[in-house]
Amino acid sequence: MSTVDMSGSRWRKSSFSSGNENAECVELAVLRDVTAVRDSKNPVAALAFPSTSWSAFLERH
């Protein structure tokens, strides 16, 4: 397992978020070779996927 430096990443919330600061939201950051996903209630932990894998996931769902 490798570590991805996500400092300075620009996180975006899902369009399905209610806008409430206390809402449970999915956040996404697109980096050079990976796409990172995290829970807004736990922003220190994120899952990083190779960009090609993330694109394939979106095509299937």
PDB file of N, CA and C in Angstrom:
ATOM      1  N   MET A   1       0.855  -1.170   0.000  1.00  0.00           N
ATOM      2  CA  MET A   1       0.000   0.000   0.000  1.00  0.00           C
ATOM      3  C   MET A   1       0.900   1.231   0.000  1.00  0.00           C
ATOM      4  N   SER A   2       0.558   2.189  -0.820  1.00  0.00           N
ATOM      5  CA  SER A   2       1.338   3.422  -0.879  1.00  0.00           C
ATOM      6  C   SER A   2       0.522   4.591  -0.349  1.00  0.00           C
ATOM      7  N   THR A   3       1.224   5.660  -0.039  1.00  0.00           N
ATOM      8  CA  THR A   3       0.583   6.858   0.492  1.00  0.00           C
ATOM      9  C   THR A   3       0.547   7.930  -0.590  1.00  0.00           C
ATOM     10  N   VAL A   4      -0.570   8.622  -0.681  1.00  0.00           N
ATOM     11  CA  VAL A   4      -0.733   9.700  -1.658  1.00  0.00           C
ATOM     12  C   VAL A   4      -0.768  11.020  -0.904  1.00  0.00           C
ATOM     13  N   ASP A   5       0.043  11.983  -1.341  1.00  0.00           N
ATOM     14  CA  ASP A   5       0.047  13.308  -0.718  1.00  0.00           C
ATOM     15  C   ASP A   5      -1.166  14.087  -1.216  1.00  0.00           C
ATOM     16  N   MET A   6      -2.111  14.348  -0.315  1.00  0.00           N
ATOM     17  CA  MET A   6      -3.326  15.067  -0.680  1.00  0.00           C
ATOM     18  C   MET A   6      -3.360  16.472  -0.095  1.00  0.00           C
ATOM     19  N   SER A   7      -2.223  16.926   0.434  1.00  0.00           N
ATOM     20  CA  SER A   7      -2.184  18.285   0.970  1.00  0.00           C
ATOM     21  C   SER A   7      -2.391  19.271  -0.169  1.00  0.00           C
ATOM     22  N   GLY A   8      -3.188  20.249   0.061  1.00  0.00           N
ATOM     23  CA  GLY A   8      -3.479  21.241  -0.963  1.00  0.00           C
ATOM     24  C   GLY A   8      -4.512  20.802  -1.987  1.00  0.00           C
ATOM     25  N   SER A   9      -5.088  19.621  -1.790  1.00  0.00           N
ATOM     26  CA  SER A   9      -6.112  19.144  -2.726  1.00  0.00           C
ATOM     27  C   SER A   9      -7.373  19.980  -2.612  1.00  0.00           C
ATOM     28  N   ARG A  10      -8.050  20.146  -3.720  1.00  0.00           N
ATOM     29  CA  ARG A  10      -9.325  20.861  -3.729  1.00  0.00           C
ATOM     30  C   ARG A  10     -10.445  19.832  -3.695  1.00  0.00           C
ATOM     31  N   TRP A  11     -11.153  19.783  -2.585  1.00  0.00           N
ATOM     32  CA  TRP A  11     -12.223  18.810  -2.393  1.00  0.00           C
ATOM     33  C   TRP A  11     -13.551  19.405  -2.824  1.00  0.00           C
ATOM     34  N   ARG A  12     -14.362  18.588  -3.494  1.00  0.00           N
ATOM     35  CA  ARG A  12     -15.700  19.004  -3.921  1.00  0.00           C
ATOM     36  C   ARG A  12     -16.717  18.067  -3.296  1.00  0.00           C
ATOM     37  N   LYS A  13     -17.859  18.636  -2.905  1.00  0.00           N
ATOM     38  CA  LYS A  13     -18.933  17.823  -2.322  1.00  0.00           C
ATOM     39  C   LYS A  13     -19.865  17.327  -3.409  1.00  0.00           C
ATOM     40  N   SER A  14     -20.493  16.228  -3.128  1.00  0.00           N
ATOM     41  CA  SER A  14     -21.481  15.664  -4.039  1.00  0.00           C
ATOM     42  C   SER A  14     -22.616  16.649  -4.279  1.00  0.00           C
ATOM     43  N   SER A  15     -23.143  16.651  -5.476  1.00  0.00           N
ATOM     44  CA  SER A  15     -24.285  17.521  -5.784  1.00  0.00           C
ATOM     45  C   SER A  15     -25.537  17.067  -5.048  1.00  0.00           C
ATOM     46  N   PHE A  16     -25.516  15.872  -4.492  1.00  0.00           N
ATOM     47  CA  PHE A  16     -26.649  15.364  -3.725  1.00  0.00           C
ATOM     48  C   PHE A  16     -26.604  15.807  -2.264  1.00  0.00           C
ATOM     49  N   SER A  17     -25.549  16.530  -1.875  1.00  0.00           N
ATOM     50  CA  SER A  17     -25.456  17.043  -0.506  1.00  0.00           C
ATOM     51  C   SER A  17     -26.515  18.115  -0.291  1.00  0.00           C
ATOM     52  N   SER A  18     -27.036  18.166   0.910  1.00  0.00           N
ATOM     53  CA  SER A  18     -28.116  19.111   1.189  1.00  0.00           C
ATOM     54  C   SER A  18     -27.619  20.534   1.410  1.00  0.00           C
ATOM     55  N   GLY A  19     -26.325  20.720   1.538  1.00  0.00           N
ATOM     56  CA  GLY A  19     -25.794  22.050   1.812  1.00  0.00           C
ATOM     57  C   GLY A  19     -25.675  22.323   3.300  1.00  0.00           C
ATOM     58  N   ASN A  20     -26.271  21.486   4.109  1.00  0.00           N
ATOM     59  CA  ASN A  20     -26.187  21.602   5.558  1.00  0.00           C
ATOM     60  C   ASN A  20     -24.779  21.212   5.988  1.00  0.00           C
ATOM     61  N   GLU A  21     -24.141  22.036   6.783  1.00  0.00           N
ATOM     62  CA  GLU A  21     -22.777  21.757   7.239  1.00  0.00           C
ATOM     63  C   GLU A  21     -22.683  20.461   8.036  1.00  0.00           C
ATOM     64  N   ASN A  22     -23.767  20.035   8.667  1.00  0.00           N
ATOM     65  CA  ASN A  22     -23.750  18.814   9.465  1.00  0.00           C
ATOM     66  C   ASN A  22     -24.169  17.586   8.670  1.00  0.00           C
ATOM     67  N   ALA A  23     -24.464  17.763   7.399  1.00  0.00           N
ATOM     68  CA  ALA A  23     -24.918  16.649   6.572  1.00  0.00           C
ATOM     69  C   ALA A  23     -23.770  15.684   6.299  1.00  0.00           C
ATOM     70  N   GLU A  24     -24.135  14.440   6.097  1.00  0.00           N
ATOM     71  CA  GLU A  24     -23.150  13.442   5.705  1.00  0.00           C
ATOM     72  C   GLU A  24     -22.962  13.553   4.201  1.00  0.00           C
ATOM     73  N   CYS A  25     -21.755  13.868   3.785  1.00  0.00           N
ATOM     74  CA  CYS A  25     -21.498  14.122   2.374  1.00  0.00           C
ATOM     75  C   CYS A  25     -20.289  13.329   1.897  1.00  0.00           C
ATOM     76  N   VAL A  26     -20.307  13.009   0.629  1.00  0.00           N
ATOM     77  CA  VAL A  26     -19.154  12.421  -0.030  1.00  0.00           C
ATOM     78  C   VAL A  26     -18.389  13.571  -0.669  1.00  0.00           C
ATOM     79  N   GLU A  27     -17.069  13.573  -0.486  1.00  0.00           N
ATOM     80  CA  GLU A  27     -16.228  14.594  -1.099  1.00  0.00           C
ATOM     81  C   GLU A  27     -15.231  13.914  -2.029  1.00  0.00           C
ATOM     82  N   LEU A  28     -14.859  14.619  -3.078  1.00  0.00           N
ATOM     83  CA  LEU A  28     -14.013  14.069  -4.117  1.00  0.00           C
ATOM     84  C   LEU A  28     -12.899  15.053  -4.450  1.00  0.00           C
ATOM     85  N   ALA A  29     -11.700  14.538  -4.641  1.00  0.00           N
ATOM     86  CA  ALA A  29     -10.573  15.360  -5.095  1.00  0.00           C
ATOM     87  C   ALA A  29      -9.914  14.644  -6.268  1.00  0.00           C
ATOM     88  N   VAL A  30      -9.743  15.357  -7.358  1.00  0.00           N
ATOM     89  CA  VAL A  30      -9.088  14.791  -8.534  1.00  0.00           C
ATOM     90  C   VAL A  30      -7.651  15.293  -8.536  1.00  0.00           C
ATOM     91  N   LEU A  31      -6.726  14.361  -8.423  1.00  0.00           N
ATOM     92  CA  LEU A  31      -5.305  14.688  -8.427  1.00  0.00           C
ATOM     93  C   LEU A  31      -4.701  14.242  -9.755  1.00  0.00           C
ATOM     94  N   ARG A  32      -3.425  14.309  -9.875  1.00  0.00           N
ATOM     95  CA  ARG A  32      -2.770  13.997 -11.147  1.00  0.00           C
ATOM     96  C   ARG A  32      -3.083  12.583 -11.651  1.00  0.00           C
ATOM     97  N   ASP A  33      -2.811  11.575 -10.850  1.00  0.00           N
ATOM     98  CA  ASP A  33      -3.000  10.192 -11.296  1.00  0.00           C
ATOM     99  C   ASP A  33      -4.033   9.426 -10.490  1.00  0.00           C
ATOM    100  N   VAL A  34      -4.622  10.075  -9.498  1.00  0.00           N
ATOM    101  CA  VAL A  34      -5.596   9.393  -8.644  1.00  0.00           C
ATOM    102  C   VAL A  34      -6.820  10.272  -8.413  1.00  0.00           C
ATOM    103  N   THR A  35      -7.896   9.616  -8.042  1.00  0.00           N
ATOM    104  CA  THR A  35      -9.102  10.296  -7.591  1.00  0.00           C
ATOM    105  C   THR A  35      -9.318   9.848  -6.155  1.00  0.00           C
ATOM    106  N   ALA A  36      -9.475  10.797  -5.248  1.00  0.00           N
ATOM    107  CA  ALA A  36      -9.641  10.493  -3.833  1.00  0.00           C
ATOM    108  C   ALA A  36     -11.078  10.764  -3.410  1.00  0.00           C
ATOM    109  N   VAL A  37     -11.582   9.903  -2.535  1.00  0.00           N
ATOM    110  CA  VAL A  37     -12.948  10.004  -2.033  1.00  0.00           C
ATOM    111  C   VAL A  37     -12.887   9.953  -0.515  1.00  0.00           C
ATOM    112  N   ARG A  38     -13.676  10.813   0.139  1.00  0.00           N
ATOM    113  CA  ARG A  38     -13.702  10.803   1.599  1.00  0.00           C
ATOM    114  C   ARG A  38     -15.092  11.177   2.108  1.00  0.00           C
ATOM    115  N   ASP A  39     -15.306  10.915   3.382  1.00  0.00           N
ATOM    116  CA  ASP A  39     -16.532  11.285   4.086  1.00  0.00           C
ATOM    117  C   ASP A  39     -16.289  12.649   4.726  1.00  0.00           C
ATOM    118  N   SER A  40     -17.193  13.594   4.514  1.00  0.00           N
ATOM    119  CA  SER A  40     -16.996  14.945   5.050  1.00  0.00           C
ATOM    120  C   SER A  40     -16.927  14.968   6.570  1.00  0.00           C
ATOM    121  N   LYS A  41     -17.497  13.964   7.226  1.00  0.00           N
ATOM    122  CA  LYS A  41     -17.445  13.919   8.692  1.00  0.00           C
ATOM    123  C   LYS A  41     -16.110  13.375   9.198  1.00  0.00           C
ATOM    124  N   ASN A  42     -15.310  12.778   8.310  1.00  0.00           N
ATOM    125  CA  ASN A  42     -14.003  12.250   8.683  1.00  0.00           C
ATOM    126  C   ASN A  42     -12.991  12.644   7.599  1.00  0.00           C
ATOM    127  N   PRO A  43     -12.677  13.932   7.489  1.00  0.00           N
ATOM    128  CA  PRO A  43     -11.856  14.408   6.374  1.00  0.00           C
ATOM    129  C   PRO A  43     -10.389  13.999   6.413  1.00  0.00           C
ATOM    130  N   VAL A  44      -9.916  13.418   7.503  1.00  0.00           N
ATOM    131  CA  VAL A  44      -8.508  13.025   7.556  1.00  0.00           C
ATOM    132  C   VAL A  44      -8.262  11.683   6.877  1.00  0.00           C
ATOM    133  N   ALA A  45      -9.312  10.923   6.626  1.00  0.00           N
ATOM    134  CA  ALA A  45      -9.169   9.620   5.969  1.00  0.00           C
ATOM    135  C   ALA A  45      -9.806   9.678   4.587  1.00  0.00           C
ATOM    136  N   ALA A  46      -9.099   9.158   3.601  1.00  0.00           N
ATOM    137  CA  ALA A  46      -9.630   9.148   2.236  1.00  0.00           C
ATOM    138  C   ALA A  46      -9.184   7.870   1.536  1.00  0.00           C
ATOM    139  N   LEU A  47      -9.963   7.468   0.565  1.00  0.00           N
ATOM    140  CA  LEU A  47      -9.592   6.353  -0.299  1.00  0.00           C
ATOM    141  C   LEU A  47      -9.116   6.934  -1.620  1.00  0.00           C
ATOM    142  N   ALA A  48      -7.982   6.461  -2.101  1.00  0.00           N
ATOM    143  CA  ALA A  48      -7.434   6.954  -3.367  1.00  0.00           C
ATOM    144  C   ALA A  48      -7.473   5.826  -4.394  1.00  0.00           C
ATOM    145  N   PHE A  49      -8.032   6.126  -5.554  1.00  0.00           N
ATOM    146  CA  PHE A  49      -8.157   5.157  -6.634  1.00  0.00           C
ATOM    147  C   PHE A  49      -7.394   5.667  -7.851  1.00  0.00           C
ATOM    148  N   PRO A  50      -6.723   4.765  -8.581  1.00  0.00           N
ATOM    149  CA  PRO A  50      -6.113   5.210  -9.837  1.00  0.00           C
ATOM    150  C   PRO A  50      -7.196   5.832 -10.721  1.00  0.00           C
ATOM    151  N   SER A  51      -6.869   6.894 -11.406  1.00  0.00           N
ATOM    152  CA  SER A  51      -7.860   7.603 -12.223  1.00  0.00           C
ATOM    153  C   SER A  51      -8.534   6.689 -13.235  1.00  0.00           C
ATOM    154  N   THR A  52      -7.791   5.748 -13.799  1.00  0.00           N
ATOM    155  CA  THR A  52      -8.385   4.825 -14.769  1.00  0.00           C
ATOM    156  C   THR A  52      -9.417   3.923 -14.108  1.00  0.00           C
ATOM    157  N   SER A  53      -9.151   3.486 -12.886  1.00  0.00           N
ATOM    158  CA  SER A  53     -10.113   2.648 -12.156  1.00  0.00           C
ATOM    159  C   SER A  53     -11.359   3.440 -11.797  1.00  0.00           C
ATOM    160  N   TRP A  54     -11.184   4.692 -11.395  1.00  0.00           N
ATOM    161  CA  TRP A  54     -12.331   5.541 -11.038  1.00  0.00           C
ATOM    162  C   TRP A  54     -13.209   5.778 -12.265  1.00  0.00           C
ATOM    163  N   SER A  55     -12.597   6.047 -13.400  1.00  0.00           N
ATOM    164  CA  SER A  55     -13.361   6.259 -14.636  1.00  0.00           C
ATOM    165  C   SER A  55     -14.134   5.004 -15.022  1.00  0.00           C
ATOM    166  N   ALA A  56     -13.510   3.843 -14.885  1.00  0.00           N
ATOM    167  CA  ALA A  56     -14.191   2.580 -15.200  1.00  0.00           C
ATOM    168  C   ALA A  56     -15.360   2.355 -14.248  1.00  0.00           C
ATOM    169  N   PHE A  57     -15.196   2.687 -12.981  1.00  0.00           N
ATOM    170  CA  PHE A  57     -16.284   2.565 -12.004  1.00  0.00           C
ATOM    171  C   PHE A  57     -17.466   3.441 -12.411  1.00  0.00           C
ATOM    172  N   LEU A  58     -17.201   4.683 -12.783  1.00  0.00           N
ATOM    173  CA  LEU A  58     -18.274   5.601 -13.173  1.00  0.00           C
ATOM    174  C   LEU A  58     -19.001   5.126 -14.426  1.00  0.00           C
ATOM    175  N   GLU A  59     -18.280   4.534 -15.344  1.00  0.00           N
ATOM    176  CA  GLU A  59     -18.914   4.027 -16.567  1.00  0.00           C
ATOM    177  C   GLU A  59     -19.885   2.891 -16.264  1.00  0.00           C
ATOM    178  N   ARG A  60     -19.587   2.095 -15.251  1.00  0.00           N
ATOM    179  CA  ARG A  60     -20.435   0.953 -14.901  1.00  0.00           C
ATOM    180  C   ARG A  60     -21.590   1.330 -13.994  1.00  0.00           C
ATOM    181  N   HIS A  61     -21.519   2.489 -13.348  1.00  0.00           N
ATOM    182  CA  HIS A  61     -22.567   2.861 -12.390  1.00  0.00           C
ATOM    183  C   HIS A  61     -23.202   4.109 -12.863  1.00  0.00           C
TER     184      HIS A  61
END
